[in-house]
C-alpha atoms as a PDB file:
ATOM      1  CA  MET A   1      16.428 -52.266  17.768  1.00  0.00           C
ATOM      2  CA  PHE A   2      15.341 -55.592  19.209  1.00  0.00           C
ATOM      3  CA  ASN A   3      11.970 -54.150  20.247  1.00  0.00           C
ATOM      4  CA  VAL A   4      11.327 -52.922  16.699  1.00  0.00           C
ATOM      5  CA  MET A   5      12.311 -56.285  15.229  1.00  0.00           C
ATOM      6  CA  LEU A   6      10.105 -58.008  17.781  1.00  0.00           C
ATOM      7  CA  ALA A   7       7.186 -55.748  16.828  1.00  0.00           C
ATOM      8  CA  LEU A   8       7.602 -56.828  13.196  1.00  0.00           C
ATOM      9  CA  SER A   9       8.014 -60.521  14.026  1.00  0.00           C
ATOM     10  CA  ASP A  10       4.263 -61.170  13.908  1.00  0.00           C
ATOM     11  CA  GLY A  11       3.496 -59.152  10.790  1.00  0.00           C
ATOM     12  CA  ASP A  12       4.156 -56.090   8.685  1.00  0.00           C
ATOM     13  CA  LYS A  13       3.523 -52.701  10.300  1.00  0.00           C
ATOM     14  CA  HIS A  14       3.807 -48.998   9.623  1.00  0.00           C
ATOM     15  CA  GLY A  15       5.763 -46.719  11.943  1.00  0.00           C
ATOM     16  CA  TYR A  16       2.929 -45.659  14.228  1.00  0.00           C
ATOM     17  CA  ALA A  17       1.823 -49.278  14.638  1.00  0.00           C
ATOM     18  CA  ILE A  18       5.393 -50.216  15.584  1.00  0.00           C
ATOM     19  CA  LEU A  19       5.444 -47.453  18.232  1.00  0.00           C
ATOM     20  CA  LYS A  20       2.132 -48.671  19.679  1.00  0.00           C
ATOM     21  CA  ASP A  21       3.211 -52.335  19.640  1.00  0.00           C
ATOM     22  CA  VAL A  22       6.493 -51.619  21.450  1.00  0.00           C
ATOM     23  CA  ALA A  23       4.692 -49.552  24.098  1.00  0.00           C
ATOM     24  CA  ALA A  24       2.018 -52.237  24.562  1.00  0.00           C
ATOM     25  CA  GLN A  25       4.462 -55.156  24.701  1.00  0.00           C
ATOM     26  CA  THR A  26       6.607 -53.376  27.308  1.00  0.00           C
ATOM     27  CA  ASN A  27       3.631 -52.132  29.356  1.00  0.00           C
ATOM     28  CA  GLY A  28       4.722 -48.594  28.548  1.00  0.00           C
ATOM     29  CA  GLU A  29       8.275 -49.064  29.832  1.00  0.00           C
ATOM     30  CA  VAL A  30       9.659 -48.375  26.358  1.00  0.00           C
ATOM     31  CA  GLN A  31       8.204 -45.312  24.641  1.00  0.00           C
ATOM     32  CA  LEU A  32      10.062 -44.673  21.408  1.00  0.00           C
ATOM     33  CA  SER A  33       9.952 -41.189  19.941  1.00  0.00           C
ATOM     34  CA  THR A  34       9.337 -40.951  16.214  1.00  0.00           C
ATOM     35  CA  GLY A  35      12.893 -39.683  15.739  1.00  0.00           C
ATOM     36  CA  THR A  36      14.329 -42.659  17.608  1.00  0.00           C
ATOM     37  CA  LEU A  37      12.085 -45.079  15.724  1.00  0.00           C
ATOM     38  CA  TYR A  38      13.059 -43.780  12.302  1.00  0.00           C
ATOM     39  CA  GLY A  39      16.749 -43.809  13.228  1.00  0.00           C
ATOM     40  CA  ILE A  40      16.345 -47.486  14.129  1.00  0.00           C
ATOM     41  CA  VAL A  41      14.328 -48.154  10.961  1.00  0.00           C
ATOM     42  CA  LYS A  42      17.033 -46.516   8.837  1.00  0.00           C
ATOM     43  CA  ARG A  43      19.719 -48.657  10.455  1.00  0.00           C
ATOM     44  CA  LEU A  44      17.680 -51.864  10.105  1.00  0.00           C
ATOM     45  CA  LEU A  45      16.991 -51.049   6.439  1.00  0.00           C
ATOM     46  CA  ASN A  46      20.694 -50.406   5.788  1.00  0.00           C
ATOM     47  CA  GLU A  47      21.643 -53.689   7.492  1.00  0.00           C
ATOM     48  CA  GLY A  48      19.045 -55.688   5.534  1.00  0.00           C
ATOM     49  CA  MET A  49      17.119 -56.667   8.673  1.00  0.00           C
ATOM     50  CA  ILE A  50      13.896 -55.104   7.390  1.00  0.00           C
ATOM     51  CA  VAL A  51      12.564 -53.935   4.027  1.00  0.00           C
ATOM     52  CA  GLU A  52      10.028 -51.298   3.106  1.00  0.00           C
ATOM     53  CA  LEU A  53       7.068 -52.904   1.385  1.00  0.00           C
ATOM     54  CA  ARG A  54       5.896 -51.749  -1.993  1.00  0.00           C
ATOM     55  CA  ARG A  55       2.471 -53.368  -1.712  1.00  0.00           C
ATOM     56  CA  ARG A  56      -0.076 -51.496   0.346  1.00  0.00           C
ATOM     57  CA  PRO A  57      -3.402 -52.266   2.010  1.00  0.00           C
ATOM     58  CA  ALA A  58      -6.613 -51.352   0.213  1.00  0.00           C
ATOM     59  CA  ALA A  59      -7.050 -47.571  -0.154  1.00  0.00           C
ATOM     60  CA  GLU A  60      -9.898 -47.427   2.369  1.00  0.00           C
ATOM     61  CA  ASP A  61      -7.663 -49.074   4.991  1.00  0.00           C
ATOM     62  CA  ASP A  62      -4.565 -47.018   4.247  1.00  0.00           C
ATOM     63  CA  ASP A  63      -3.026 -43.592   4.527  1.00  0.00           C
ATOM     64  CA  SER A  64      -0.746 -42.854   1.564  1.00  0.00           C
ATOM     65  CA  ARG A  65       1.838 -41.266   3.899  1.00  0.00           C
ATOM     66  CA  ARG A  66       2.432 -44.537   5.749  1.00  0.00           C
ATOM     67  CA  ARG A  67       5.393 -46.728   4.988  1.00  0.00           C
ATOM     68  CA  TYR A  68       5.094 -50.391   5.852  1.00  0.00           C
ATOM     69  CA  TYR A  69       8.004 -52.510   7.018  1.00  0.00           C
ATOM     70  CA  HIS A  70       8.678 -56.248   6.896  1.00  0.00           C
ATOM     71  CA  LEU A  71      11.182 -58.306   8.881  1.00  0.00           C
ATOM     72  CA  THR A  72      13.488 -60.126   6.448  1.00  0.00           C
ATOM     73  CA  ALA A  73      14.676 -63.709   6.884  1.00  0.00           C
ATOM     74  CA  GLU A  74      18.049 -62.330   8.026  1.00  0.00           C
ATOM     75  CA  GLY A  75      16.269 -59.989  10.439  1.00  0.00           C
ATOM     76  CA  ARG A  76      14.253 -62.861  11.907  1.00  0.00           C
ATOM     77  CA  LYS A  77      17.419 -64.963  12.258  1.00  0.00           C
ATOM     78  CA  THR A  78      19.156 -62.075  14.034  1.00  0.00           C
ATOM     79  CA  ALA A  79      16.164 -61.462  16.341  1.00  0.00           C
ATOM     80  CA  VAL A  80      16.008 -65.154  17.261  1.00  0.00           C
ATOM     81  CA  ALA A  81      19.745 -65.190  17.994  1.00  0.00           C
ATOM     82  CA  GLU A  82      19.363 -62.124  20.217  1.00  0.00           C
ATOM     83  CA  ALA A  83      16.421 -63.688  22.084  1.00  0.00           C
ATOM     84  CA  VAL A  84      18.454 -66.867  22.670  1.00  0.00           C
ATOM     85  CA  ARG A  85      21.410 -64.763  23.870  1.00  0.00           C
ATOM     86  CA  MET A  86      19.168 -62.908  26.329  1.00  0.00           C
ATOM     87  CA  GLU A  87      17.628 -66.172  27.523  1.00  0.00           C
ATOM     88  CA  LYS A  88      21.109 -67.530  28.304  1.00  0.00           C
ATOM     89  CA  LEU A  89      21.940 -64.339  30.224  1.00  0.00           C
ATOM     90  CA  LEU A  90      18.782 -64.748  32.296  1.00  0.00           C
ATOM     91  CA  GLU A  91      19.666 -68.370  33.039  1.00  0.00           C
ATOM     92  CA  ARG A  92      23.088 -67.240  34.293  1.00  0.00           C
ATOM     93  CA  ALA A  93      21.535 -64.479  36.404  1.00  0.00           C
ATOM     94  CA  ARG A  94      19.166 -67.022  37.974  1.00  0.00           C
ATOM     95  CA  ALA A  95      22.012 -69.469  38.609  1.00  0.00           C
ATOM     96  CA  LYS A  96      23.852 -66.688  40.441  1.00  0.00           C
ATOM     97  CA  ARG A  97      20.625 -65.929  42.345  1.00  0.00           C
ATOM     98  CA  LEU A  98      20.636 -62.403  40.993  1.00  0.00           C
ATOM     99  CA  ILE A  99      16.996 -62.804  39.996  1.00  0.00           C
ATOM    100  CA  GLN A 100      14.290 -65.319  40.860  1.00  0.00           C
ATOM    101  CA  GLN A 101      12.591 -67.728  38.500  1.00  0.00           C
ATOM    102  CA  LEU A 102       9.322 -66.230  37.305  1.00  0.00           C
ATOM    103  CA  ARG A 103       6.229 -67.937  38.651  1.00  0.00           C
ATOM    104  CA  HIS A 104       3.587 -68.631  36.015  1.00  0.00           C
ATOM    105  CA  ALA A 105      -0.036 -68.477  37.148  1.00  0.00           C
END
């Protein structure tokens, strides 16, 4: 769920674009199936974390079968809270020397 919310954090996307974004952002480590994606989308819609957009891109840039999704304010707040939670976990893992500090080039 977090990966889908993260994919929508920088703009509205349709399902296939979400799949591609998640795969790209995880260097292929996370490959969502369409069934898994739409199960997540359904849950996020039901929880108010995302909404399906009614407005669509221009007809020449669109496929009428696509549904576009937008991260709500509540969804963004939840994603930020999850990112902060994960950051704290990483800090604890580093303090326990479970993992090393990443070296930035």
